[in-house]
C-alpha atoms as a PDB file:
ATOM      1  CA  UNK A   1      52.299 -20.135 -16.665  1.00  0.00           C
ATOM      2  CA  UNK A   2      49.069 -19.004 -17.906  1.00  0.00           C
ATOM      3  CA  UNK A   3      50.314 -19.188 -21.366  1.00  0.00           C
ATOM      4  CA  UNK A   4      51.478 -22.843 -20.908  1.00  0.00           C
ATOM      5  CA  UNK A   5      49.370 -25.290 -22.446  1.00  0.00           C
ATOM      6  CA  UNK A   6      47.472 -28.314 -20.701  1.00  0.00           C
ATOM      7  CA  UNK A   7      50.046 -30.688 -21.857  1.00  0.00           C
ATOM      8  CA  UNK A   8      53.043 -28.769 -20.414  1.00  0.00           C
ATOM      9  CA  UNK A   9      51.444 -28.240 -17.098  1.00  0.00           C
ATOM     10  CA  UNK A  10      49.745 -31.271 -16.511  1.00  0.00           C
ATOM     11  CA  UNK A  11      46.681 -29.658 -15.166  1.00  0.00           C
ATOM     12  CA  UNK A  12      42.983 -30.300 -15.691  1.00  0.00           C
ATOM     13  CA  UNK A  13      42.031 -26.910 -14.979  1.00  0.00           C
ATOM     14  CA  UNK A  14      41.481 -26.557 -18.785  1.00  0.00           C
ATOM     15  CA  UNK A  15      39.303 -29.241 -19.354  1.00  0.00           C
ATOM     16  CA  UNK A  16      36.514 -28.698 -16.133  1.00  0.00           C
ATOM     17  CA  UNK A  17      34.514 -25.884 -15.778  1.00  0.00           C
ATOM     18  CA  UNK A  18      34.561 -23.140 -13.310  1.00  0.00           C
ATOM     19  CA  UNK A  19      31.286 -24.294 -11.741  1.00  0.00           C
ATOM     20  CA  UNK A  20      32.372 -27.783 -11.827  1.00  0.00           C
ATOM     21  CA  UNK A  21      35.754 -26.688  -9.936  1.00  0.00           C
ATOM     22  CA  UNK A  22      33.724 -24.487  -7.379  1.00  0.00           C
ATOM     23  CA  UNK A  23      31.633 -27.109  -6.560  1.00  0.00           C
ATOM     24  CA  UNK A  24      34.454 -29.699  -5.690  1.00  0.00           C
ATOM     25  CA  UNK A  25      36.083 -27.238  -3.807  1.00  0.00           C
ATOM     26  CA  UNK A  26      33.179 -26.568  -1.716  1.00  0.00           C
ATOM     27  CA  UNK A  27      32.168 -30.342  -1.073  1.00  0.00           C
ATOM     28  CA  UNK A  28      36.132 -30.928  -0.772  1.00  0.00           C
ATOM     29  CA  UNK A  29      36.135 -28.058   2.095  1.00  0.00           C
ATOM     30  CA  UNK A  30      32.963 -29.589   3.643  1.00  0.00           C
ATOM     31  CA  UNK A  31      34.139 -33.143   4.028  1.00  0.00           C
ATOM     32  CA  UNK A  32      37.999 -33.100   4.519  1.00  0.00           C
ATOM     33  CA  UNK A  33      37.801 -30.362   7.108  1.00  0.00           C
ATOM     34  CA  UNK A  34      35.120 -32.565   8.837  1.00  0.00           C
ATOM     35  CA  UNK A  35      32.669 -29.719   9.361  1.00  0.00           C
ATOM     36  CA  UNK A  36      29.289 -30.615  10.773  1.00  0.00           C
ATOM     37  CA  UNK A  37      26.547 -31.035   7.948  1.00  0.00           C
ATOM     38  CA  UNK A  38      24.688 -27.961   9.975  1.00  0.00           C
ATOM     39  CA  UNK A  39      27.338 -25.888   8.221  1.00  0.00           C
ATOM     40  CA  UNK A  40      25.331 -25.742   5.183  1.00  0.00           C
ATOM     41  CA  UNK A  41      22.653 -23.868   6.742  1.00  0.00           C
ATOM     42  CA  UNK A  42      24.785 -21.240   7.661  1.00  0.00           C
ATOM     43  CA  UNK A  43      23.890 -17.958   5.850  1.00  0.00           C
ATOM     44  CA  UNK A  44      27.344 -17.693   4.392  1.00  0.00           C
ATOM     45  CA  UNK A  45      27.629 -21.367   3.079  1.00  0.00           C
ATOM     46  CA  UNK A  46      24.298 -20.663   1.537  1.00  0.00           C
ATOM     47  CA  UNK A  47      25.389 -18.263  -0.700  1.00  0.00           C
ATOM     48  CA  UNK A  48      27.631 -21.041  -2.434  1.00  0.00           C
ATOM     49  CA  UNK A  49      24.972 -23.070  -2.712  1.00  0.00           C
ATOM     50  CA  UNK A  50      26.619 -25.767  -0.051  1.00  0.00           C
ATOM     51  CA  UNK A  51      23.205 -27.466   1.023  1.00  0.00           C
ATOM     52  CA  UNK A  52      22.290 -27.968  -2.896  1.00  0.00           C
ATOM     53  CA  UNK A  53      25.293 -29.415  -3.525  1.00  0.00           C
ATOM     54  CA  UNK A  54      25.201 -32.068  -0.966  1.00  0.00           C
ATOM     55  CA  UNK A  55      21.786 -32.645  -2.060  1.00  0.00           C
ATOM     56  CA  UNK A  56      22.809 -33.390  -5.376  1.00  0.00           C
ATOM     57  CA  UNK A  57      25.712 -35.467  -4.195  1.00  0.00           C
ATOM     58  CA  UNK A  58      23.099 -37.444  -2.084  1.00  0.00           C
ATOM     59  CA  UNK A  59      20.765 -37.983  -5.245  1.00  0.00           C
ATOM     60  CA  UNK A  60      23.647 -39.233  -7.187  1.00  0.00           C
ATOM     61  CA  UNK A  61      25.119 -41.843  -4.757  1.00  0.00           C
ATOM     62  CA  UNK A  62      21.681 -43.411  -3.267  1.00  0.00           C
ATOM     63  CA  UNK A  63      21.154 -45.296  -6.783  1.00  0.00           C
ATOM     64  CA  UNK A  64      24.835 -46.646  -6.674  1.00  0.00           C
ATOM     65  CA  UNK A  65      24.498 -47.818  -2.754  1.00  0.00           C
ATOM     66  CA  UNK A  66      20.963 -49.375  -3.744  1.00  0.00           C
ATOM     67  CA  UNK A  67      22.085 -51.121  -6.709  1.00  0.00           C
ATOM     68  CA  UNK A  68      25.106 -52.747  -4.529  1.00  0.00           C
ATOM     69  CA  UNK A  69      23.025 -53.231  -1.416  1.00  0.00           C
ATOM     70  CA  UNK A  70      22.417 -57.353  -1.036  1.00  0.00           C
ATOM     71  CA  UNK A  71      19.280 -58.637  -0.106  1.00  0.00           C
ATOM     72  CA  UNK A  72      20.867 -59.683   3.461  1.00  0.00           C
ATOM     73  CA  UNK A  73      22.752 -56.675   5.568  1.00  0.00           C
ATOM     74  CA  UNK A  74      23.057 -55.429   9.067  1.00  0.00           C
ATOM     75  CA  UNK A  75      21.725 -52.532  10.212  1.00  0.00           C
ATOM     76  CA  UNK A  76      23.876 -50.280  12.736  1.00  0.00           C
ATOM     77  CA  UNK A  77      22.544 -47.368  14.031  1.00  0.00           C
ATOM     78  CA  UNK A  78      23.476 -44.687  16.340  1.00  0.00           C
ATOM     79  CA  UNK A  79      21.985 -41.071  17.185  1.00  0.00           C
ATOM     80  CA  UNK A  80      22.968 -37.722  17.951  1.00  0.00           C
ATOM     81  CA  UNK A  81      21.237 -34.738  19.143  1.00  0.00           C
ATOM     82  CA  UNK A  82      21.772 -31.013  17.812  1.00  0.00           C
ATOM     83  CA  UNK A  83      20.220 -28.439  19.890  1.00  0.00           C
ATOM     84  CA  UNK A  84      16.823 -29.961  20.531  1.00  0.00           C
ATOM     85  CA  UNK A  85      16.552 -32.296  17.030  1.00  0.00           C
ATOM     86  CA  UNK A  86      17.366 -36.093  17.312  1.00  0.00           C
ATOM     87  CA  UNK A  87      19.178 -37.503  14.417  1.00  0.00           C
ATOM     88  CA  UNK A  88      19.528 -41.234  13.381  1.00  0.00           C
ATOM     89  CA  UNK A  89      22.694 -42.228  11.518  1.00  0.00           C
ATOM     90  CA  UNK A  90      22.001 -45.537   9.713  1.00  0.00           C
ATOM     91  CA  UNK A  91      24.658 -47.814   8.376  1.00  0.00           C
ATOM     92  CA  UNK A  92      24.417 -50.848   6.574  1.00  0.00           C
ATOM     93  CA  UNK A  93      27.095 -53.674   6.927  1.00  0.00           C
ATOM     94  CA  UNK A  94      27.380 -56.561   4.047  1.00  0.00           C
ATOM     95  CA  UNK A  95      29.509 -58.312   2.138  1.00  0.00           C
ATOM     96  CA  UNK A  96      30.642 -57.577  -1.702  1.00  0.00           C
ATOM     97  CA  UNK A  97      32.775 -60.346  -3.476  1.00  0.00           C
ATOM     98  CA  UNK A  98      33.845 -61.549   0.235  1.00  0.00           C
ATOM     99  CA  UNK A  99      34.847 -57.623   0.918  1.00  0.00           C
ATOM    100  CA  UNK A 100      33.273 -56.672   3.759  1.00  0.00           C
ATOM    101  CA  UNK A 101      31.448 -53.216   3.263  1.00  0.00           C
ATOM    102  CA  UNK A 102      29.775 -50.067   5.325  1.00  0.00           C
ATOM    103  CA  UNK A 103      27.796 -47.812   3.606  1.00  0.00           C
ATOM    104  CA  UNK A 104      25.637 -44.725   5.208  1.00  0.00           C
ATOM    105  CA  UNK A 105      22.292 -44.772   4.287  1.00  0.00           C
ATOM    106  CA  UNK A 106      21.052 -42.057   6.397  1.00  0.00           C
ATOM    107  CA  UNK A 107      21.492 -39.168   8.786  1.00  0.00           C
ATOM    108  CA  UNK A 108      18.027 -37.744   9.606  1.00  0.00           C
ATOM    109  CA  UNK A 109      15.719 -36.431  12.366  1.00  0.00           C
ATOM    110  CA  UNK A 110      13.636 -39.118  13.710  1.00  0.00           C
ATOM    111  CA  UNK A 111      10.454 -36.934  14.440  1.00  0.00           C
ATOM    112  CA  UNK A 112       8.704 -35.285  11.712  1.00  0.00           C
ATOM    113  CA  UNK A 113       5.323 -35.497  12.543  1.00  0.00           C
ATOM    114  CA  UNK A 114       3.450 -34.448  15.891  1.00  0.00           C
ATOM    115  CA  UNK A 115       2.261 -37.862  16.673  1.00  0.00           C
ATOM    116  CA  UNK A 116       5.842 -39.012  16.441  1.00  0.00           C
ATOM    117  CA  UNK A 117       8.313 -39.507  19.116  1.00  0.00           C
ATOM    118  CA  UNK A 118      11.564 -41.484  20.079  1.00  0.00           C
ATOM    119  CA  UNK A 119      10.363 -44.717  20.981  1.00  0.00           C
ATOM    120  CA  UNK A 120      11.235 -48.036  19.374  1.00  0.00           C
ATOM    121  CA  UNK A 121       7.901 -47.950  17.241  1.00  0.00           C
ATOM    122  CA  UNK A 122       9.140 -44.536  15.379  1.00  0.00           C
ATOM    123  CA  UNK A 123      12.761 -45.665  14.764  1.00  0.00           C
ATOM    124  CA  UNK A 124      11.232 -48.896  13.391  1.00  0.00           C
ATOM    125  CA  UNK A 125       8.922 -47.051  11.212  1.00  0.00           C
ATOM    126  CA  UNK A 126      11.776 -44.525   9.818  1.00  0.00           C
ATOM    127  CA  UNK A 127      14.095 -47.373   9.143  1.00  0.00           C
ATOM    128  CA  UNK A 128      11.483 -49.481   7.358  1.00  0.00           C
ATOM    129  CA  UNK A 129      10.482 -46.128   5.082  1.00  0.00           C
ATOM    130  CA  UNK A 130      14.075 -45.188   4.552  1.00  0.00           C
ATOM    131  CA  UNK A 131      15.092 -48.337   3.364  1.00  0.00           C
ATOM    132  CA  UNK A 132      11.831 -48.715   1.040  1.00  0.00           C
ATOM    133  CA  UNK A 133      11.953 -45.177   0.032  1.00  0.00           C
ATOM    134  CA  UNK A 134      15.424 -44.811  -0.636  1.00  0.00           C
ATOM    135  CA  UNK A 135      16.942 -47.986  -1.306  1.00  0.00           C
ATOM    136  CA  UNK A 136      14.015 -50.262  -2.597  1.00  0.00           C
ATOM    137  CA  UNK A 137      14.649 -52.736   0.299  1.00  0.00           C
ATOM    138  CA  UNK A 138      12.390 -54.359   2.649  1.00  0.00           C
ATOM    139  CA  UNK A 139      12.791 -54.483   6.465  1.00  0.00           C
ATOM    140  CA  UNK A 140      12.910 -57.973   5.891  1.00  0.00           C
ATOM    141  CA  UNK A 141      16.561 -57.640   4.418  1.00  0.00           C
ATOM    142  CA  UNK A 142      17.870 -56.811   7.976  1.00  0.00           C
ATOM    143  CA  UNK A 143      19.302 -59.965   9.348  1.00  0.00           C
ATOM    144  CA  UNK A 144      20.852 -58.092  12.360  1.00  0.00           C
ATOM    145  CA  UNK A 145      20.675 -55.023  14.207  1.00  0.00           C
ATOM    146  CA  UNK A 146      23.458 -53.082  16.285  1.00  0.00           C
ATOM    147  CA  UNK A 147      22.695 -50.221  18.239  1.00  0.00           C
ATOM    148  CA  UNK A 148      23.921 -48.158  21.313  1.00  0.00           C
ATOM    149  CA  UNK A 149      21.148 -48.413  23.615  1.00  0.00           C
ATOM    150  CA  UNK A 150      20.122 -51.805  24.766  1.00  0.00           C
ATOM    151  CA  UNK A 151      16.646 -51.365  25.752  1.00  0.00           C
ATOM    152  CA  UNK A 152      15.589 -49.417  22.466  1.00  0.00           C
ATOM    153  CA  UNK A 153      17.863 -51.960  20.537  1.00  0.00           C
ATOM    154  CA  UNK A 154      15.998 -54.509  21.910  1.00  0.00           C
ATOM    155  CA  UNK A 155      12.418 -53.291  21.725  1.00  0.00           C
ATOM    156  CA  UNK A 156      12.947 -52.324  17.789  1.00  0.00           C
ATOM    157  CA  UNK A 157      14.585 -55.927  17.353  1.00  0.00           C
ATOM    158  CA  UNK A 158      11.116 -57.312  18.899  1.00  0.00           C
ATOM    159  CA  UNK A 159       9.545 -54.835  16.320  1.00  0.00           C
ATOM    160  CA  UNK A 160      11.612 -56.534  13.588  1.00  0.00           C
ATOM    161  CA  UNK A 161      11.047 -60.203  14.605  1.00  0.00           C
ATOM    162  CA  UNK A 162       7.084 -59.528  14.986  1.00  0.00           C
ATOM    163  CA  UNK A 163       6.909 -58.087  11.451  1.00  0.00           C
ATOM    164  CA  UNK A 164       9.208 -60.914   9.827  1.00  0.00           C
ATOM    165  CA  UNK A 165       7.163 -63.314  11.763  1.00  0.00           C
ATOM    166  CA  UNK A 166       3.631 -61.768   9.965  1.00  0.00           C
ATOM    167  CA  UNK A 167       5.396 -61.899   6.572  1.00  0.00           C
ATOM    168  CA  UNK A 168       6.242 -65.255   6.683  1.00  0.00           C
END
């Protein structure tokens, strides 16, 4: 088997660099095993550069998503808490050639500064900053908002309505 040519085995192993195969193996393991993203911060996982690999994938995928996002889209957000840190998960919903699509835009902590909290204002600031920084989209492209907590969703919606009203 080791002496066989690529044509005889049908394998692409001879064409791919060992580092590329290792990176693919790490990513496949993390994603297909449904491991938590925090897994990358484990000391043993850091030895394999799992966090750096995921950051590289993020840098590669974000421009492709940004190029596909239309000027009118819906935003769905949810939250999760790990230890004492609260994360916001943001999805975009839109149509592309009459096909409904969903893209994960962000899964990041909401509170990064001492003056931030879990209020609607902080969530709105987070969403506006993330859309502009990562996807070159203005907050006004958001045509509807779906969220889990009604009061926070309504408060964020009111912030959106006020911001959009001031833009006109």
